[in-house]
Structures are given as structure tokens and as C-alpha cells.
Amino acid sequence: MAEPAREDLPEQDPRKSLLADFTLRESSLSEREQQMLALERQWWKYAGAKEQAIRDLFDLSATHYYQLLNALIDREDALAHDPMLVKRLRRLRTSRHRARTARRLGSEA
């Protein structure tokens, strides 16, 4: 059976919103929790863009969002949902915590 020609495939709309290609997976995570992880997969080019997206998508302050995210990445079902992302977020959190602790103690991280 021949593969469809490239011209036959639908073109992707470059104007897609940030999470338009987000699809719910079978998971014990809520839709919002899955969307939070999807947001964390994005790379942010400009300062403040992520915080604005957090306000627009979740109607949360950045502080509250990060409190929820920190609790989320500690859960085993989040790890099962996206292991590479959750492990990366955990490593970032640990390194930031170490840097803060080192600054408080007056030593280098």
C-alpha cells in the first residue's frame, strides 16, 4: 500500500494557540494538571511571557501556579504521565533550592 503524497497531508496552521495541540492522555491527572505540564514543556523566548500565559490560561498568579506545580511534580502519576519533563522540573527545583541555601549560608553553590 502506497503512502499518501506529502501534498495530501493536511497543513498545520502556524497560528495555533499555545496548547491547541494538547491532547488528553489516559491518566489520573486532571485536565488542568495535564495542561500545566504541557505549558512547562514550552520554551519561553521573552521575560514575562510565561507569567502572562499562566494568567491567561489558568487565571492564577505565578506564585500560586508554581505552588501547584511543585505539588504536582512530587506525584507519582505526574511522573508516569511525562517522566522526562517531571524529572527535569525536579532537578531544576533542587538546584534552585541548593543555590538559595548556599546564598543564605554565604557559600557558593
N, C-alpha and C. Protein backbone atom coordinates (compact mmCIF):
# COMPACT_ATOMS: atom_id res chain seq x y z
N MET A 1 0.84 -1.18 0.00
CA MET A 1 0.00 0.00 0.00
C MET A 1 0.88 1.24 0.00
N ALA A 2 0.61 2.15 -0.89
CA ALA A 2 1.44 3.34 -1.04
C ALA A 2 1.12 4.36 0.05
N GLU A 3 2.15 5.09 0.45
CA GLU A 3 1.95 6.15 1.43
C GLU A 3 1.34 7.36 0.73
N PRO A 4 0.54 8.16 1.44
CA PRO A 4 -0.03 9.35 0.80
C PRO A 4 1.07 10.34 0.45
N ALA A 5 0.87 11.02 -0.65
CA ALA A 5 1.83 12.04 -1.06
C ALA A 5 1.85 13.16 -0.02
N ARG A 6 2.97 13.82 0.09
CA ARG A 6 3.11 14.90 1.07
C ARG A 6 2.06 15.99 0.85
N GLU A 7 1.69 16.20 -0.41
CA GLU A 7 0.70 17.22 -0.72
C GLU A 7 -0.68 16.85 -0.18
N ASP A 8 -0.92 15.55 0.03
CA ASP A 8 -2.22 15.10 0.50
C ASP A 8 -2.40 15.28 2.01
N LEU A 9 -1.28 15.47 2.71
CA LEU A 9 -1.37 15.61 4.16
C LEU A 9 -1.85 17.01 4.51
N PRO A 10 -2.69 17.13 5.55
CA PRO A 10 -3.17 18.47 5.92
C PRO A 10 -2.02 19.32 6.45
N GLU A 11 -2.04 20.59 6.08
CA GLU A 11 -1.02 21.51 6.58
C GLU A 11 -1.38 21.92 8.00
N GLN A 12 -0.34 22.15 8.80
CA GLN A 12 -0.59 22.61 10.16
C GLN A 12 -0.72 24.12 10.14
N ASP A 13 -1.68 24.61 10.87
CA ASP A 13 -1.91 26.05 10.96
C ASP A 13 -0.88 26.64 11.92
N PRO A 14 0.00 27.52 11.44
CA PRO A 14 1.02 28.09 12.31
C PRO A 14 0.46 29.01 13.38
N ARG A 15 -0.80 29.39 13.26
CA ARG A 15 -1.41 30.30 14.23
C ARG A 15 -2.03 29.56 15.40
N LYS A 16 -1.72 28.29 15.55
CA LYS A 16 -2.27 27.50 16.65
C LYS A 16 -1.98 28.19 17.97
N SER A 17 -2.91 28.11 18.89
CA SER A 17 -2.65 28.65 20.21
C SER A 17 -1.64 27.76 20.93
N LEU A 18 -1.16 28.24 22.04
CA LEU A 18 -0.10 27.57 22.78
C LEU A 18 -0.40 26.11 23.07
N LEU A 19 -1.62 25.82 23.48
CA LEU A 19 -1.96 24.45 23.87
C LEU A 19 -2.96 23.80 22.92
N ALA A 20 -3.08 24.34 21.70
CA ALA A 20 -4.07 23.81 20.77
C ALA A 20 -3.81 22.36 20.39
N ASP A 21 -2.54 21.96 20.37
CA ASP A 21 -2.23 20.59 20.00
C ASP A 21 -2.22 19.67 21.22
N PHE A 22 -2.63 20.18 22.36
CA PHE A 22 -2.68 19.42 23.60
C PHE A 22 -3.77 18.35 23.49
N THR A 23 -3.43 17.11 23.80
CA THR A 23 -4.42 16.04 23.81
C THR A 23 -4.38 15.36 25.15
N LEU A 24 -5.54 15.08 25.69
CA LEU A 24 -5.61 14.41 26.98
C LEU A 24 -5.19 12.96 26.83
N ARG A 25 -4.34 12.51 27.71
CA ARG A 25 -3.94 11.11 27.74
C ARG A 25 -4.74 10.42 28.83
N GLU A 26 -4.80 9.10 28.74
CA GLU A 26 -5.39 8.34 29.83
C GLU A 26 -4.48 8.53 31.03
N SER A 27 -5.00 9.16 32.05
CA SER A 27 -4.18 9.50 33.20
C SER A 27 -5.07 9.81 34.38
N SER A 28 -4.50 9.68 35.57
CA SER A 28 -5.25 10.07 36.76
C SER A 28 -5.10 11.57 37.01
N LEU A 29 -4.31 12.25 36.18
CA LEU A 29 -4.17 13.70 36.30
C LEU A 29 -5.41 14.38 35.73
N SER A 30 -5.78 15.49 36.34
CA SER A 30 -6.90 16.27 35.82
C SER A 30 -6.48 16.96 34.52
N GLU A 31 -7.45 17.47 33.81
CA GLU A 31 -7.16 18.19 32.56
C GLU A 31 -6.25 19.38 32.85
N ARG A 32 -6.54 20.12 33.92
CA ARG A 32 -5.73 21.29 34.26
C ARG A 32 -4.29 20.87 34.59
N GLU A 33 -4.12 19.78 35.31
CA GLU A 33 -2.77 19.31 35.64
C GLU A 33 -2.01 18.91 34.38
N GLN A 34 -2.69 18.26 33.45
CA GLN A 34 -2.05 17.89 32.19
C GLN A 34 -1.69 19.15 31.39
N GLN A 35 -2.55 20.16 31.44
CA GLN A 35 -2.26 21.41 30.74
C GLN A 35 -1.08 22.14 31.38
N MET A 36 -0.96 22.04 32.71
CA MET A 36 0.19 22.65 33.39
C MET A 36 1.49 22.00 32.91
N LEU A 37 1.49 20.69 32.80
CA LEU A 37 2.68 20.01 32.31
C LEU A 37 2.95 20.37 30.84
N ALA A 38 1.90 20.50 30.06
CA ALA A 38 2.07 20.91 28.66
C ALA A 38 2.68 22.30 28.58
N LEU A 39 2.26 23.20 29.45
CA LEU A 39 2.82 24.55 29.48
C LEU A 39 4.30 24.50 29.84
N GLU A 40 4.66 23.64 30.77
CA GLU A 40 6.05 23.53 31.20
C GLU A 40 6.95 22.96 30.11
N ARG A 41 6.39 22.27 29.14
CA ARG A 41 7.17 21.74 28.02
C ARG A 41 7.60 22.84 27.06
N GLN A 42 6.92 23.98 27.10
CA GLN A 42 7.21 25.08 26.18
C GLN A 42 8.52 25.77 26.57
N TRP A 43 9.16 26.40 25.58
CA TRP A 43 10.35 27.21 25.83
C TRP A 43 9.95 28.66 25.63
N TRP A 44 10.36 29.52 26.55
CA TRP A 44 9.92 30.92 26.56
C TRP A 44 11.06 31.81 26.10
N LYS A 45 10.78 32.59 25.10
CA LYS A 45 11.79 33.44 24.48
C LYS A 45 11.94 34.78 25.20
N TYR A 46 10.85 35.31 25.74
CA TYR A 46 10.86 36.64 26.33
C TYR A 46 10.49 36.60 27.80
N ALA A 47 11.13 37.46 28.58
CA ALA A 47 10.82 37.56 30.01
C ALA A 47 9.37 38.00 30.18
N GLY A 48 8.68 37.36 31.08
CA GLY A 48 7.29 37.72 31.35
C GLY A 48 6.27 37.00 30.50
N ALA A 49 6.68 36.39 29.40
CA ALA A 49 5.73 35.72 28.51
C ALA A 49 5.08 34.53 29.20
N LYS A 50 5.85 33.78 29.95
CA LYS A 50 5.31 32.61 30.63
C LYS A 50 4.31 33.03 31.71
N GLU A 51 4.66 34.06 32.48
CA GLU A 51 3.76 34.53 33.53
C GLU A 51 2.44 35.02 32.94
N GLN A 52 2.52 35.69 31.79
CA GLN A 52 1.30 36.14 31.12
C GLN A 52 0.47 34.95 30.65
N ALA A 53 1.12 33.93 30.12
CA ALA A 53 0.41 32.73 29.68
C ALA A 53 -0.25 32.04 30.87
N ILE A 54 0.41 32.02 32.02
CA ILE A 54 -0.16 31.42 33.22
C ILE A 54 -1.44 32.16 33.61
N ARG A 55 -1.38 33.49 33.59
CA ARG A 55 -2.58 34.28 33.92
C ARG A 55 -3.70 34.03 32.91
N ASP A 56 -3.35 34.01 31.63
CA ASP A 56 -4.36 33.85 30.58
C ASP A 56 -4.99 32.45 30.58
N LEU A 57 -4.17 31.42 30.74
CA LEU A 57 -4.66 30.05 30.62
C LEU A 57 -5.31 29.52 31.89
N PHE A 58 -4.76 29.89 33.04
CA PHE A 58 -5.21 29.28 34.29
C PHE A 58 -5.86 30.28 35.25
N ASP A 59 -5.80 31.56 34.95
CA ASP A 59 -6.34 32.61 35.81
C ASP A 59 -5.76 32.49 37.23
N LEU A 60 -4.44 32.29 37.29
CA LEU A 60 -3.72 32.16 38.55
C LEU A 60 -2.56 33.14 38.57
N SER A 61 -2.16 33.54 39.77
CA SER A 61 -0.91 34.29 39.88
C SER A 61 0.24 33.31 39.65
N ALA A 62 1.39 33.83 39.28
CA ALA A 62 2.55 32.97 39.07
C ALA A 62 2.91 32.23 40.36
N THR A 63 2.81 32.92 41.49
CA THR A 63 3.13 32.30 42.78
C THR A 63 2.25 31.09 43.04
N HIS A 64 0.94 31.25 42.87
CA HIS A 64 0.01 30.15 43.12
C HIS A 64 0.24 29.01 42.12
N TYR A 65 0.48 29.37 40.86
CA TYR A 65 0.75 28.36 39.83
C TYR A 65 1.95 27.51 40.22
N TYR A 66 3.04 28.15 40.64
CA TYR A 66 4.25 27.39 40.99
C TYR A 66 4.07 26.57 42.25
N GLN A 67 3.22 27.02 43.17
CA GLN A 67 2.91 26.19 44.34
C GLN A 67 2.19 24.91 43.89
N LEU A 68 1.22 25.06 42.99
CA LEU A 68 0.50 23.90 42.47
C LEU A 68 1.43 22.99 41.66
N LEU A 69 2.28 23.60 40.84
CA LEU A 69 3.21 22.83 40.02
C LEU A 69 4.17 22.03 40.89
N ASN A 70 4.70 22.64 41.95
CA ASN A 70 5.63 21.92 42.83
C ASN A 70 4.95 20.72 43.49
N ALA A 71 3.71 20.87 43.88
CA ALA A 71 2.98 19.73 44.45
C ALA A 71 2.74 18.67 43.37
N LEU A 72 2.43 19.12 42.16
CA LEU A 72 2.15 18.20 41.06
C LEU A 72 3.37 17.35 40.70
N ILE A 73 4.55 17.96 40.62
CA ILE A 73 5.72 17.18 40.18
C ILE A 73 6.22 16.21 41.25
N ASP A 74 5.69 16.32 42.46
CA ASP A 74 6.02 15.34 43.50
C ASP A 74 5.18 14.08 43.40
N ARG A 75 4.14 14.11 42.58
CA ARG A 75 3.22 12.97 42.48
C ARG A 75 3.72 11.93 41.49
N GLU A 76 3.51 10.66 41.86
CA GLU A 76 3.93 9.55 41.00
C GLU A 76 3.14 9.50 39.69
N ASP A 77 1.86 9.91 39.72
CA ASP A 77 1.09 9.88 38.47
C ASP A 77 1.58 10.94 37.49
N ALA A 78 2.12 12.05 37.99
CA ALA A 78 2.72 13.04 37.09
C ALA A 78 4.00 12.48 36.47
N LEU A 79 4.78 11.77 37.28
CA LEU A 79 6.00 11.13 36.78
C LEU A 79 5.66 10.10 35.71
N ALA A 80 4.60 9.34 35.92
CA ALA A 80 4.18 8.34 34.94
C ALA A 80 3.67 9.00 33.66
N HIS A 81 3.03 10.16 33.79
CA HIS A 81 2.46 10.87 32.65
C HIS A 81 3.56 11.40 31.71
N ASP A 82 4.59 12.01 32.29
CA ASP A 82 5.67 12.59 31.47
C ASP A 82 6.98 12.52 32.25
N PRO A 83 7.63 11.35 32.25
CA PRO A 83 8.80 11.14 33.10
C PRO A 83 9.96 12.12 32.85
N MET A 84 10.29 12.37 31.60
CA MET A 84 11.43 13.25 31.31
C MET A 84 11.18 14.67 31.80
N LEU A 85 9.98 15.19 31.55
CA LEU A 85 9.65 16.54 31.97
C LEU A 85 9.66 16.66 33.49
N VAL A 86 8.99 15.73 34.16
CA VAL A 86 8.88 15.80 35.62
C VAL A 86 10.26 15.67 36.26
N LYS A 87 11.10 14.79 35.75
CA LYS A 87 12.46 14.67 36.29
C LYS A 87 13.26 15.95 36.07
N ARG A 88 13.10 16.57 34.90
CA ARG A 88 13.79 17.83 34.63
C ARG A 88 13.33 18.92 35.59
N LEU A 89 12.01 19.01 35.81
CA LEU A 89 11.47 20.02 36.72
C LEU A 89 11.94 19.78 38.15
N ARG A 90 12.01 18.52 38.55
CA ARG A 90 12.51 18.20 39.89
C ARG A 90 13.98 18.60 40.03
N ARG A 91 14.79 18.33 39.00
CA ARG A 91 16.21 18.71 39.05
C ARG A 91 16.37 20.22 39.14
N LEU A 92 15.59 20.96 38.35
CA LEU A 92 15.65 22.42 38.40
C LEU A 92 15.28 22.94 39.78
N ARG A 93 14.23 22.38 40.36
CA ARG A 93 13.80 22.80 41.69
C ARG A 93 14.89 22.54 42.72
N THR A 94 15.51 21.37 42.65
CA THR A 94 16.57 21.02 43.59
C THR A 94 17.78 21.94 43.44
N SER A 95 18.17 22.22 42.20
CA SER A 95 19.34 23.10 42.00
C SER A 95 19.05 24.52 42.47
N ARG A 96 17.84 25.00 42.26
CA ARG A 96 17.48 26.35 42.75
C ARG A 96 17.46 26.39 44.27
N HIS A 97 16.95 25.33 44.88
CA HIS A 97 16.92 25.26 46.34
C HIS A 97 18.34 25.26 46.90
N ARG A 98 19.22 24.49 46.29
CA ARG A 98 20.62 24.46 46.74
C ARG A 98 21.28 25.83 46.59
N ALA A 99 21.01 26.51 45.49
CA ALA A 99 21.60 27.83 45.27
C ALA A 99 21.10 28.83 46.32
N ARG A 100 19.80 28.78 46.64
CA ARG A 100 19.25 29.68 47.68
C ARG A 100 19.88 29.38 49.03
N THR A 101 20.01 28.11 49.36
CA THR A 101 20.59 27.71 50.63
C THR A 101 22.05 28.16 50.71
N ALA A 102 22.79 27.99 49.63
CA ALA A 102 24.20 28.40 49.61
C ALA A 102 24.33 29.91 49.79
N ARG A 103 23.44 30.68 49.15
CA ARG A 103 23.49 32.14 49.32
C ARG A 103 23.22 32.53 50.76
N ARG A 104 22.26 31.87 51.39
CA ARG A 104 21.94 32.17 52.79
C ARG A 104 23.11 31.85 53.71
N LEU A 105 23.81 30.78 53.40
CA LEU A 105 24.92 30.35 54.25
C LEU A 105 26.22 31.06 53.89
N GLY A 106 26.19 31.86 52.82
CA GLY A 106 27.36 32.63 52.44
C GLY A 106 28.41 31.85 51.68
N SER A 107 28.02 30.74 51.11
CA SER A 107 28.97 29.96 50.31
C SER A 107 28.49 29.90 48.87
N GLU A 108 29.31 29.31 48.02
CA GLU A 108 28.93 29.18 46.62
C GLU A 108 28.18 27.88 46.38
N ALA A 109 27.29 27.89 45.36
CA ALA A 109 26.50 26.69 45.04
C ALA A 109 27.32 25.68 44.30
